[in-house]
């Protein structure tokens, strides 16, 4: 596992990817990460 700083708002790539798959996934098809991040960004503006 990659070392990381809890105070850093940007997590390492390996941790970001693991977070998306931990705990199962409630939908049958996953969207691509880029599409997800773009949708998330629009919701946060």
Protein backbone atom coordinates (compact mmCIF):
# COMPACT_ATOMS: atom_id res chain seq x y z
CA UNK A 1 0.00 0.00 0.00
CA UNK A 2 1.17 3.49 -0.78
CA UNK A 3 2.03 5.87 2.07
CA UNK A 4 -0.14 8.93 2.22
CA UNK A 5 -0.80 11.99 4.35
CA UNK A 6 -4.29 12.30 5.83
CA UNK A 7 -4.01 16.08 5.64
CA UNK A 8 -3.40 16.00 1.88
CA UNK A 9 -6.75 16.37 0.04
CA UNK A 10 -5.41 14.39 -2.95
CA UNK A 11 -5.22 10.66 -2.28
CA UNK A 12 -2.78 8.40 -4.13
CA UNK A 13 -4.20 6.71 -7.23
CA UNK A 14 -4.13 3.20 -5.69
CA UNK A 15 -6.22 4.33 -2.73
CA UNK A 16 -8.73 6.21 -4.92
CA UNK A 17 -9.28 3.10 -7.03
CA UNK A 18 -9.59 0.81 -4.00
CA UNK A 19 -12.16 3.14 -2.42
CA UNK A 20 -14.43 2.83 -5.44
CA UNK A 21 -14.55 -0.96 -5.15
CA UNK A 22 -14.62 -1.42 -1.39
CA UNK A 23 -17.89 -2.51 0.19
CA UNK A 24 -19.41 -3.81 -3.04
CA UNK A 25 -21.13 -1.85 -5.77
CA UNK A 26 -24.87 -1.28 -5.79
CA UNK A 27 -25.30 -0.95 -9.57
CA UNK A 28 -24.77 -3.60 -12.27
CA UNK A 29 -22.57 -1.40 -14.49
CA UNK A 30 -19.81 0.93 -13.37
CA UNK A 31 -19.21 4.23 -15.12
CA UNK A 32 -15.72 5.24 -16.14
CA UNK A 33 -13.82 7.19 -13.48
CA UNK A 34 -13.44 10.28 -15.70
CA UNK A 35 -17.20 10.43 -16.36
CA UNK A 36 -17.87 9.97 -12.64
CA UNK A 37 -15.46 12.74 -11.65
CA UNK A 38 -16.91 15.12 -14.26
CA UNK A 39 -20.45 14.44 -13.00
CA UNK A 40 -19.33 14.85 -9.41
CA UNK A 41 -17.60 18.13 -10.22
CA UNK A 42 -20.76 19.53 -11.86
CA UNK A 43 -22.80 18.57 -8.77
CA UNK A 44 -20.35 20.35 -6.46
CA UNK A 45 -20.36 23.67 -8.32
